[in-house]
Amino acid sequence: MAIKVDDSLIKKLERLSKISLSKDEEESIKNDLNTILEYMSILDEADVSGVREMYSPASDELTTVLHDDLPEKFDGAQSIVAQFPKKKGDLLVVPSIQN
């Protein structure tokens, strides 16, 4: 099933990303996305029979070669909290991300 980017999808993406686009920008993005999806459709033709499905790019077979991921104690937390501009008790006040 091929995905087709149309005006309603562009409007939905515009609303979800909280941006506003001009008509020219909407048309340009719609054309670009359709071109990308059309190009990616060549993957539908790839023969993947006999290829083991990969459920995660970081599978059990991969290991880190740099270092063990071990927790370390950080002693500078109180210094950071002391410099924070707004506090409410022991909590740090940050701008809301909700409307």
PDB file of N, CA and C in Angstrom:
ATOM      1  N   MET A   1       0.843  -1.177   0.000  1.00  0.00           N
ATOM      2  CA  MET A   1       0.000   0.000   0.000  1.00  0.00           C
ATOM      3  C   MET A   1       0.887   1.239   0.000  1.00  0.00           C
ATOM      4  N   ALA A   2       0.754   2.034  -1.021  1.00  0.00           N
ATOM      5  CA  ALA A   2       1.572   3.235  -1.150  1.00  0.00           C
ATOM      6  C   ALA A   2       0.940   4.387  -0.383  1.00  0.00           C
ATOM      7  N   ILE A   3       1.775   5.131   0.287  1.00  0.00           N
ATOM      8  CA  ILE A   3       1.310   6.309   1.016  1.00  0.00           C
ATOM      9  C   ILE A   3       1.391   7.495   0.064  1.00  0.00           C
ATOM     10  N   LYS A   4       0.359   8.282   0.026  1.00  0.00           N
ATOM     11  CA  LYS A   4       0.335   9.479  -0.813  1.00  0.00           C
ATOM     12  C   LYS A   4       0.177  10.690   0.098  1.00  0.00           C
ATOM     13  N   VAL A   5       1.092  11.623  -0.006  1.00  0.00           N
ATOM     14  CA  VAL A   5       1.032  12.840   0.790  1.00  0.00           C
ATOM     15  C   VAL A   5       0.108  13.819   0.076  1.00  0.00           C
ATOM     16  N   ASP A   6      -0.965  14.199   0.749  1.00  0.00           N
ATOM     17  CA  ASP A   6      -1.910  15.143   0.170  1.00  0.00           C
ATOM     18  C   ASP A   6      -2.044  16.361   1.080  1.00  0.00           C
ATOM     19  N   ASP A   7      -2.918  17.288   0.681  1.00  0.00           N
ATOM     20  CA  ASP A   7      -3.079  18.533   1.453  1.00  0.00           C
ATOM     21  C   ASP A   7      -3.523  18.282   2.886  1.00  0.00           C
ATOM     22  N   SER A   8      -4.395  17.288   3.091  1.00  0.00           N
ATOM     23  CA  SER A   8      -4.881  17.027   4.452  1.00  0.00           C
ATOM     24  C   SER A   8      -3.766  16.506   5.347  1.00  0.00           C
ATOM     25  N   LEU A   9      -2.866  15.683   4.802  1.00  0.00           N
ATOM     26  CA  LEU A   9      -1.734  15.193   5.602  1.00  0.00           C
ATOM     27  C   LEU A   9      -0.783  16.337   5.926  1.00  0.00           C
ATOM     28  N   ILE A  10      -0.535  17.207   4.971  1.00  0.00           N
ATOM     29  CA  ILE A  10       0.338  18.358   5.221  1.00  0.00           C
ATOM     30  C   ILE A  10      -0.254  19.239   6.320  1.00  0.00           C
ATOM     31  N   LYS A  11      -1.568  19.481   6.278  1.00  0.00           N
ATOM     32  CA  LYS A  11      -2.219  20.281   7.313  1.00  0.00           C
ATOM     33  C   LYS A  11      -2.095  19.614   8.680  1.00  0.00           C
ATOM     34  N   LYS A  12      -2.262  18.288   8.713  1.00  0.00           N
ATOM     35  CA  LYS A  12      -2.138  17.554   9.976  1.00  0.00           C
ATOM     36  C   LYS A  12      -0.712  17.657  10.520  1.00  0.00           C
ATOM     37  N   LEU A  13       0.284  17.471   9.658  1.00  0.00           N
ATOM     38  CA  LEU A  13       1.679  17.584  10.089  1.00  0.00           C
ATOM     39  C   LEU A  13       2.004  18.998  10.548  1.00  0.00           C
ATOM     40  N   GLU A  14       1.433  19.980   9.868  1.00  0.00           N
ATOM     41  CA  GLU A  14       1.623  21.375  10.243  1.00  0.00           C
ATOM     42  C   GLU A  14       1.059  21.631  11.646  1.00  0.00           C
ATOM     43  N   ARG A  15      -0.128  21.081  11.909  1.00  0.00           N
ATOM     44  CA  ARG A  15      -0.756  21.255  13.219  1.00  0.00           C
ATOM     45  C   ARG A  15       0.034  20.525  14.309  1.00  0.00           C
ATOM     46  N   LEU A  16       0.459  19.290  14.024  1.00  0.00           N
ATOM     47  CA  LEU A  16       1.195  18.518  15.030  1.00  0.00           C
ATOM     48  C   LEU A  16       2.554  19.129  15.352  1.00  0.00           C
ATOM     49  N   SER A  17       3.194  19.716  14.356  1.00  0.00           N
ATOM     50  CA  SER A  17       4.512  20.305  14.592  1.00  0.00           C
ATOM     51  C   SER A  17       4.435  21.762  15.041  1.00  0.00           C
ATOM     52  N   LYS A  18       3.197  22.286  15.106  1.00  0.00           N
ATOM     53  CA  LYS A  18       2.960  23.652  15.572  1.00  0.00           C
ATOM     54  C   LYS A  18       3.751  24.684  14.764  1.00  0.00           C
ATOM     55  N   ILE A  19       3.675  24.517  13.436  1.00  0.00           N
ATOM     56  CA  ILE A  19       4.280  25.490  12.537  1.00  0.00           C
ATOM     57  C   ILE A  19       3.219  25.947  11.551  1.00  0.00           C
ATOM     58  N   SER A  20       3.444  27.062  10.924  1.00  0.00           N
ATOM     59  CA  SER A  20       2.540  27.484   9.857  1.00  0.00           C
ATOM     60  C   SER A  20       3.362  27.666   8.589  1.00  0.00           C
ATOM     61  N   LEU A  21       2.828  27.150   7.501  1.00  0.00           N
ATOM     62  CA  LEU A  21       3.526  27.177   6.226  1.00  0.00           C
ATOM     63  C   LEU A  21       2.733  28.007   5.227  1.00  0.00           C
ATOM     64  N   SER A  22       3.443  28.630   4.328  1.00  0.00           N
ATOM     65  CA  SER A  22       2.769  29.319   3.236  1.00  0.00           C
ATOM     66  C   SER A  22       2.309  28.269   2.226  1.00  0.00           C
ATOM     67  N   LYS A  23       1.461  28.660   1.301  1.00  0.00           N
ATOM     68  CA  LYS A  23       0.980  27.724   0.270  1.00  0.00           C
ATOM     69  C   LYS A  23       2.143  27.165  -0.543  1.00  0.00           C
ATOM     70  N   ASP A  24       3.127  28.019  -0.864  1.00  0.00           N
ATOM     71  CA  ASP A  24       4.288  27.556  -1.624  1.00  0.00           C
ATOM     72  C   ASP A  24       5.092  26.529  -0.834  1.00  0.00           C
ATOM     73  N   GLU A  25       5.272  26.786   0.461  1.00  0.00           N
ATOM     74  CA  GLU A  25       6.001  25.843   1.311  1.00  0.00           C
ATOM     75  C   GLU A  25       5.249  24.526   1.429  1.00  0.00           C
ATOM     76  N   GLU A  26       3.928  24.580   1.603  1.00  0.00           N
ATOM     77  CA  GLU A  26       3.124  23.359   1.684  1.00  0.00           C
ATOM     78  C   GLU A  26       3.280  22.526   0.417  1.00  0.00           C
ATOM     79  N   GLU A  27       3.192  23.198  -0.733  1.00  0.00           N
ATOM     80  CA  GLU A  27       3.303  22.492  -2.017  1.00  0.00           C
ATOM     81  C   GLU A  27       4.696  21.894  -2.191  1.00  0.00           C
ATOM     82  N   SER A  28       5.715  22.646  -1.802  1.00  0.00           N
ATOM     83  CA  SER A  28       7.095  22.168  -1.909  1.00  0.00           C
ATOM     84  C   SER A  28       7.321  20.942  -1.019  1.00  0.00           C
ATOM     85  N   ILE A  29       6.845  21.013   0.227  1.00  0.00           N
ATOM     86  CA  ILE A  29       7.017  19.892   1.155  1.00  0.00           C
ATOM     87  C   ILE A  29       6.227  18.687   0.674  1.00  0.00           C
ATOM     88  N   LYS A  30       5.021  18.911   0.183  1.00  0.00           N
ATOM     89  CA  LYS A  30       4.200  17.815  -0.325  1.00  0.00           C
ATOM     90  C   LYS A  30       4.919  17.116  -1.484  1.00  0.00           C
ATOM     91  N   ASN A  31       5.468  17.898  -2.409  1.00  0.00           N
ATOM     92  CA  ASN A  31       6.191  17.309  -3.540  1.00  0.00           C
ATOM     93  C   ASN A  31       7.441  16.571  -3.080  1.00  0.00           C
ATOM     94  N   ASP A  32       8.184  17.161  -2.150  1.00  0.00           N
ATOM     95  CA  ASP A  32       9.400  16.520  -1.639  1.00  0.00           C
ATOM     96  C   ASP A  32       9.081  15.197  -0.951  1.00  0.00           C
ATOM     97  N   LEU A  33       8.062  15.198  -0.089  1.00  0.00           N
ATOM     98  CA  LEU A  33       7.707  13.966   0.621  1.00  0.00           C
ATOM     99  C   LEU A  33       7.220  12.887  -0.340  1.00  0.00           C
ATOM    100  N   ASN A  34       6.437  13.259  -1.330  1.00  0.00           N
ATOM    101  CA  ASN A  34       5.982  12.280  -2.319  1.00  0.00           C
ATOM    102  C   ASN A  34       7.151  11.714  -3.119  1.00  0.00           C
ATOM    103  N   THR A  35       8.127  12.557  -3.453  1.00  0.00           N
ATOM    104  CA  THR A  35       9.315  12.095  -4.172  1.00  0.00           C
ATOM    105  C   THR A  35      10.114  11.112  -3.323  1.00  0.00           C
ATOM    106  N   ILE A  36      10.282  11.431  -2.048  1.00  0.00           N
ATOM    107  CA  ILE A  36      11.021  10.547  -1.135  1.00  0.00           C
ATOM    108  C   ILE A  36      10.302   9.213  -0.998  1.00  0.00           C
ATOM    109  N   LEU A  37       8.980   9.244  -0.793  1.00  0.00           N
ATOM    110  CA  LEU A  37       8.220   8.003  -0.634  1.00  0.00           C
ATOM    111  C   LEU A  37       8.229   7.178  -1.912  1.00  0.00           C
ATOM    112  N   GLU A  38       8.169   7.833  -3.043  1.00  0.00           N
ATOM    113  CA  GLU A  38       8.235   7.116  -4.317  1.00  0.00           C
ATOM    114  C   GLU A  38       9.590   6.433  -4.477  1.00  0.00           C
ATOM    115  N   TYR A  39      10.647   7.143  -4.125  1.00  0.00           N
ATOM    116  CA  TYR A  39      11.991   6.568  -4.189  1.00  0.00           C
ATOM    117  C   TYR A  39      12.130   5.387  -3.236  1.00  0.00           C
ATOM    118  N   MET A  40      11.607   5.529  -2.019  1.00  0.00           N
ATOM    119  CA  MET A  40      11.728   4.467  -1.024  1.00  0.00           C
ATOM    120  C   MET A  40      10.890   3.248  -1.379  1.00  0.00           C
ATOM    121  N   SER A  41       9.950   3.391  -2.302  1.00  0.00           N
ATOM    122  CA  SER A  41       9.127   2.245  -2.695  1.00  0.00           C
ATOM    123  C   SER A  41       9.949   1.153  -3.366  1.00  0.00           C
ATOM    124  N   ILE A  42      11.178   1.466  -3.790  1.00  0.00           N
ATOM    125  CA  ILE A  42      12.021   0.426  -4.378  1.00  0.00           C
ATOM    126  C   ILE A  42      12.349  -0.652  -3.334  1.00  0.00           C
ATOM    127  N   LEU A  43      12.237  -0.302  -2.059  1.00  0.00           N
ATOM    128  CA  LEU A  43      12.475  -1.299  -1.018  1.00  0.00           C
ATOM    129  C   LEU A  43      11.419  -2.402  -1.044  1.00  0.00           C
ATOM    130  N   ASP A  44      10.222  -2.076  -1.546  1.00  0.00           N
ATOM    131  CA  ASP A  44       9.170  -3.089  -1.659  1.00  0.00           C
ATOM    132  C   ASP A  44       9.567  -4.206  -2.616  1.00  0.00           C
ATOM    133  N   GLU A  45      10.458  -3.912  -3.551  1.00  0.00           N
ATOM    134  CA  GLU A  45      10.877  -4.886  -4.548  1.00  0.00           C
ATOM    135  C   GLU A  45      12.038  -5.741  -4.067  1.00  0.00           C
ATOM    136  N   ALA A  46      12.649  -5.406  -2.948  1.00  0.00           N
ATOM    137  CA  ALA A  46      13.807  -6.146  -2.455  1.00  0.00           C
ATOM    138  C   ALA A  46      13.395  -7.540  -1.997  1.00  0.00           C
ATOM    139  N   ASP A  47      14.173  -8.538  -2.406  1.00  0.00           N
ATOM    140  CA  ASP A  47      13.915  -9.913  -1.999  1.00  0.00           C
ATOM    141  C   ASP A  47      14.555 -10.150  -0.633  1.00  0.00           C
ATOM    142  N   VAL A  48      13.723 -10.287   0.383  1.00  0.00           N
ATOM    143  CA  VAL A  48      14.227 -10.483   1.738  1.00  0.00           C
ATOM    144  C   VAL A  48      13.932 -11.891   2.246  1.00  0.00           C
ATOM    145  N   SER A  49      13.595 -12.789   1.339  1.00  0.00           N
ATOM    146  CA  SER A  49      13.348 -14.168   1.768  1.00  0.00           C
ATOM    147  C   SER A  49      14.664 -14.760   2.258  1.00  0.00           C
ATOM    148  N   GLY A  50      14.606 -15.427   3.367  1.00  0.00           N
ATOM    149  CA  GLY A  50      15.799 -16.025   3.956  1.00  0.00           C
ATOM    150  C   GLY A  50      16.600 -15.074   4.822  1.00  0.00           C
ATOM    151  N   VAL A  51      16.165 -13.835   4.937  1.00  0.00           N
ATOM    152  CA  VAL A  51      16.863 -12.868   5.781  1.00  0.00           C
ATOM    153  C   VAL A  51      16.162 -12.828   7.128  1.00  0.00           C
ATOM    154  N   ARG A  52      16.932 -13.010   8.172  1.00  0.00           N
ATOM    155  CA  ARG A  52      16.365 -13.010   9.512  1.00  0.00           C
ATOM    156  C   ARG A  52      15.862 -11.615   9.870  1.00  0.00           C
ATOM    157  N   GLU A  53      14.657 -11.560  10.423  1.00  0.00           N
ATOM    158  CA  GLU A  53      14.067 -10.292  10.807  1.00  0.00           C
ATOM    159  C   GLU A  53      14.855  -9.675  11.953  1.00  0.00           C
ATOM    160  N   MET A  54      15.124  -8.382  11.854  1.00  0.00           N
ATOM    161  CA  MET A  54      15.854  -7.692  12.906  1.00  0.00           C
ATOM    162  C   MET A  54      14.868  -6.788  13.635  1.00  0.00           C
ATOM    163  N   TYR A  55      14.637  -7.075  14.896  1.00  0.00           N
ATOM    164  CA  TYR A  55      13.659  -6.312  15.660  1.00  0.00           C
ATOM    165  C   TYR A  55      14.272  -5.096  16.329  1.00  0.00           C
ATOM    166  N   SER A  56      15.579  -5.036  16.399  1.00  0.00           N
ATOM    167  CA  SER A  56      16.235  -3.906  17.039  1.00  0.00           C
ATOM    168  C   SER A  56      17.617  -3.721  16.434  1.00  0.00           C
ATOM    169  N   PRO A  57      18.003  -2.482  16.139  1.00  0.00           N
ATOM    170  CA  PRO A  57      19.349  -2.279  15.611  1.00  0.00           C
ATOM    171  C   PRO A  57      20.436  -2.546  16.653  1.00  0.00           C
ATOM    172  N   ALA A  58      20.070  -2.553  17.927  1.00  0.00           N
ATOM    173  CA  ALA A  58      21.023  -2.839  18.995  1.00  0.00           C
ATOM    174  C   ALA A  58      20.684  -4.213  19.565  1.00  0.00           C
ATOM    175  N   SER A  59      20.994  -5.242  18.823  1.00  0.00           N
ATOM    176  CA  SER A  59      20.621  -6.595  19.241  1.00  0.00           C
ATOM    177  C   SER A  59      21.627  -7.165  20.233  1.00  0.00           C
ATOM    178  N   ASP A  60      21.361  -8.406  20.641  1.00  0.00           N
ATOM    179  CA  ASP A  60      22.226  -9.082  21.601  1.00  0.00           C
ATOM    180  C   ASP A  60      23.636  -9.287  21.054  1.00  0.00           C
ATOM    181  N   GLU A  61      23.758  -9.292  19.738  1.00  0.00           N
ATOM    182  CA  GLU A  61      25.048  -9.573  19.120  1.00  0.00           C
ATOM    183  C   GLU A  61      26.015  -8.396  19.239  1.00  0.00           C
ATOM    184  N   LEU A  62      25.490  -7.213  19.483  1.00  0.00           N
ATOM    185  CA  LEU A  62      26.330  -6.032  19.569  1.00  0.00           C
ATOM    186  C   LEU A  62      26.780  -5.798  21.004  1.00  0.00           C
ATOM    187  N   THR A  63      27.998  -5.410  21.157  1.00  0.00           N
ATOM    188  CA  THR A  63      28.514  -5.066  22.481  1.00  0.00           C
ATOM    189  C   THR A  63      29.256  -3.746  22.375  1.00  0.00           C
ATOM    190  N   THR A  64      29.343  -3.037  23.476  1.00  0.00           N
ATOM    191  CA  THR A  64      30.058  -1.775  23.464  1.00  0.00           C
ATOM    192  C   THR A  64      31.558  -2.049  23.512  1.00  0.00           C
ATOM    193  N   VAL A  65      32.298  -1.321  22.739  1.00  0.00           N
ATOM    194  CA  VAL A  65      33.742  -1.497  22.717  1.00  0.00           C
ATOM    195  C   VAL A  65      34.449  -0.382  23.476  1.00  0.00           C
ATOM    196  N   LEU A  66      33.673   0.592  23.957  1.00  0.00           N
ATOM    197  CA  LEU A  66      34.288   1.735  24.602  1.00  0.00           C
ATOM    198  C   LEU A  66      34.475   1.554  26.102  1.00  0.00           C
ATOM    199  N   HIS A  67      33.386   1.293  26.821  1.00  0.00           N
ATOM    200  CA  HIS A  67      33.478   1.163  28.269  1.00  0.00           C
ATOM    201  C   HIS A  67      32.191   0.553  28.799  1.00  0.00           C
ATOM    202  N   ASP A  68      32.244   0.079  30.015  1.00  0.00           N
ATOM    203  CA  ASP A  68      31.036  -0.399  30.676  1.00  0.00           C
ATOM    204  C   ASP A  68      30.215   0.818  31.082  1.00  0.00           C
ATOM    205  N   ASP A  69      28.917   0.693  30.951  1.00  0.00           N
ATOM    206  CA  ASP A  69      28.020   1.785  31.309  1.00  0.00           C
ATOM    207  C   ASP A  69      27.648   1.641  32.776  1.00  0.00           C
ATOM    208  N   LEU A  70      28.464   2.233  33.639  1.00  0.00           N
ATOM    209  CA  LEU A  70      28.274   2.115  35.080  1.00  0.00           C
ATOM    210  C   LEU A  70      27.901   3.476  35.659  1.00  0.00           C
ATOM    211  N   PRO A  71      26.996   3.493  36.641  1.00  0.00           N
ATOM    212  CA  PRO A  71      26.634   4.773  37.255  1.00  0.00           C
ATOM    213  C   PRO A  71      27.796   5.340  38.060  1.00  0.00           C
ATOM    214  N   GLU A  72      27.897   6.663  38.041  1.00  0.00           N
ATOM    215  CA  GLU A  72      28.940   7.335  38.812  1.00  0.00           C
ATOM    216  C   GLU A  72      28.284   8.407  39.672  1.00  0.00           C
ATOM    217  N   LYS A  73      28.816   8.624  40.849  1.00  0.00           N
ATOM    218  CA  LYS A  73      28.286   9.641  41.745  1.00  0.00           C
ATOM    219  C   LYS A  73      28.709  11.013  41.242  1.00  0.00           C
ATOM    220  N   PHE A  74      27.729  11.942  41.189  1.00  0.00           N
ATOM    221  CA  PHE A  74      27.999  13.310  40.758  1.00  0.00           C
ATOM    222  C   PHE A  74      27.807  14.230  41.952  1.00  0.00           C
ATOM    223  N   ASP A  75      28.869  14.911  42.334  1.00  0.00           N
ATOM    224  CA  ASP A  75      28.831  15.751  43.532  1.00  0.00           C
ATOM    225  C   ASP A  75      28.422  17.201  43.255  1.00  0.00           C
ATOM    226  N   GLY A  76      28.244  17.581  41.985  1.00  0.00           N
ATOM    227  CA  GLY A  76      27.947  18.970  41.664  1.00  0.00           C
ATOM    228  C   GLY A  76      26.470  19.300  41.588  1.00  0.00           C
ATOM    229  N   ALA A  77      25.583  18.376  41.945  1.00  0.00           N
ATOM    230  CA  ALA A  77      24.144  18.605  41.808  1.00  0.00           C
ATOM    231  C   ALA A  77      23.678  19.793  42.645  1.00  0.00           C
ATOM    232  N   GLN A  78      24.127  19.919  43.868  1.00  0.00           N
ATOM    233  CA  GLN A  78      23.691  21.013  44.740  1.00  0.00           C
ATOM    234  C   GLN A  78      24.119  22.371  44.179  1.00  0.00           C
ATOM    235  N   SER A  79      25.278  22.413  43.556  1.00  0.00           N
ATOM    236  CA  SER A  79      25.756  23.648  42.936  1.00  0.00           C
ATOM    237  C   SER A  79      24.851  24.051  41.769  1.00  0.00           C
ATOM    238  N   ILE A  80      24.416  23.087  40.985  1.00  0.00           N
ATOM    239  CA  ILE A  80      23.521  23.360  39.853  1.00  0.00           C
ATOM    240  C   ILE A  80      22.165  23.830  40.364  1.00  0.00           C
ATOM    241  N   VAL A  81      21.631  23.143  41.358  1.00  0.00           N
ATOM    242  CA  VAL A  81      20.331  23.512  41.923  1.00  0.00           C
ATOM    243  C   VAL A  81      20.390  24.917  42.515  1.00  0.00           C
ATOM    244  N   ALA A  82      21.490  25.263  43.149  1.00  0.00           N
ATOM    245  CA  ALA A  82      21.629  26.589  43.763  1.00  0.00           C
ATOM    246  C   ALA A  82      21.600  27.700  42.715  1.00  0.00           C
ATOM    247  N   GLN A  83      22.024  27.414  41.483  1.00  0.00           N
ATOM    248  CA  GLN A  83      22.064  28.421  40.427  1.00  0.00           C
ATOM    249  C   GLN A  83      20.771  28.477  39.611  1.00  0.00           C
ATOM    250  N   PHE A  84      19.841  27.575  39.876  1.00  0.00           N
ATOM    251  CA  PHE A  84      18.600  27.529  39.090  1.00  0.00           C
ATOM    252  C   PHE A  84      17.748  28.751  39.402  1.00  0.00           C
ATOM    253  N   PRO A  85      17.186  29.411  38.371  1.00  0.00           N
ATOM    254  CA  PRO A  85      16.484  30.678  38.614  1.00  0.00           C
ATOM    255  C   PRO A  85      15.179  30.562  39.390  1.00  0.00           C
ATOM    256  N   LYS A  86      14.394  29.512  39.190  1.00  0.00           N
ATOM    257  CA  LYS A  86      13.107  29.408  39.885  1.00  0.00           C
ATOM    258  C   LYS A  86      13.028  28.069  40.612  1.00  0.00           C
ATOM    259  N   LYS A  87      12.632  28.149  41.875  1.00  0.00           N
ATOM    260  CA  LYS A  87      12.473  26.940  42.685  1.00  0.00           C
ATOM    261  C   LYS A  87      11.169  27.032  43.456  1.00  0.00           C
ATOM    262  N   LYS A  88      10.609  25.882  43.759  1.00  0.00           N
ATOM    263  CA  LYS A  88       9.422  25.802  44.610  1.00  0.00           C
ATOM    264  C   LYS A  88       9.702  24.672  45.594  1.00  0.00           C
ATOM    265  N   GLY A  89      10.149  25.037  46.769  1.00  0.00           N
ATOM    266  CA  GLY A  89      10.585  24.028  47.731  1.00  0.00           C
ATOM    267  C   GLY A  89      11.850  23.357  47.206  1.00  0.00           C
ATOM    268  N   ASP A  90      11.829  22.023  47.134  1.00  0.00           N
ATOM    269  CA  ASP A  90      12.973  21.275  46.606  1.00  0.00           C
ATOM    270  C   ASP A  90      12.863  21.044  45.108  1.00  0.00           C
ATOM    271  N   LEU A  91      11.808  21.570  44.479  1.00  0.00           N
ATOM    272  CA  LEU A  91      11.563  21.318  43.059  1.00  0.00           C
ATOM    273  C   LEU A  91      12.057  22.496  42.215  1.00  0.00           C
ATOM    274  N   LEU A  92      12.471  22.188  40.990  1.00  0.00           N
ATOM    275  CA  LEU A  92      12.898  23.227  40.045  1.00  0.00           C
ATOM    276  C   LEU A  92      11.711  23.550  39.149  1.00  0.00           C
ATOM    277  N   VAL A  93      11.429  24.835  38.950  1.00  0.00           N
ATOM    278  CA  VAL A  93      10.297  25.264  38.136  1.00  0.00           C
ATOM    279  C   VAL A  93      10.795  25.521  36.714  1.00  0.00           C
ATOM    280  N   VAL A  94      10.167  24.844  35.724  1.00  0.00           N
ATOM    281  CA  VAL A  94      10.523  25.005  34.325  1.00  0.00           C
ATOM    282  C   VAL A  94       9.280  25.421  33.536  1.00  0.00           C
ATOM    283  N   PRO A  95       9.453  26.006  32.342  1.00  0.00           N
ATOM    284  CA  PRO A  95       8.286  26.380  31.537  1.00  0.00           C
ATOM    285  C   PRO A  95       7.466  25.152  31.144  1.00  0.00           C
ATOM    286  N   SER A  96       6.155  25.323  31.089  1.00  0.00           N
ATOM    287  CA  SER A  96       5.264  24.242  30.706  1.00  0.00           C
ATOM    288  C   SER A  96       5.396  23.944  29.230  1.00  0.00           C
ATOM    289  N   ILE A  97       5.263  22.664  28.853  1.00  0.00           N
ATOM    290  CA  ILE A  97       5.269  22.292  27.447  1.00  0.00           C
ATOM    291  C   ILE A  97       3.870  22.011  26.943  1.00  0.00           C
ATOM    292  N   GLN A  98       2.895  22.158  27.826  1.00  0.00           N
ATOM    293  CA  GLN A  98       1.495  21.936  27.458  1.00  0.00           C
ATOM    294  C   GLN A  98       0.824  23.276  27.239  1.00  0.00           C
ATOM    295  N   ASN A  99      -0.263  23.250  26.488  1.00  0.00           N
ATOM    296  CA  ASN A  99      -1.009  24.500  26.242  1.00  0.00           C
ATOM    297  C   ASN A  99      -1.819  24.886  27.441  1.00  0.00           C
TER     298      ASN A  99
END
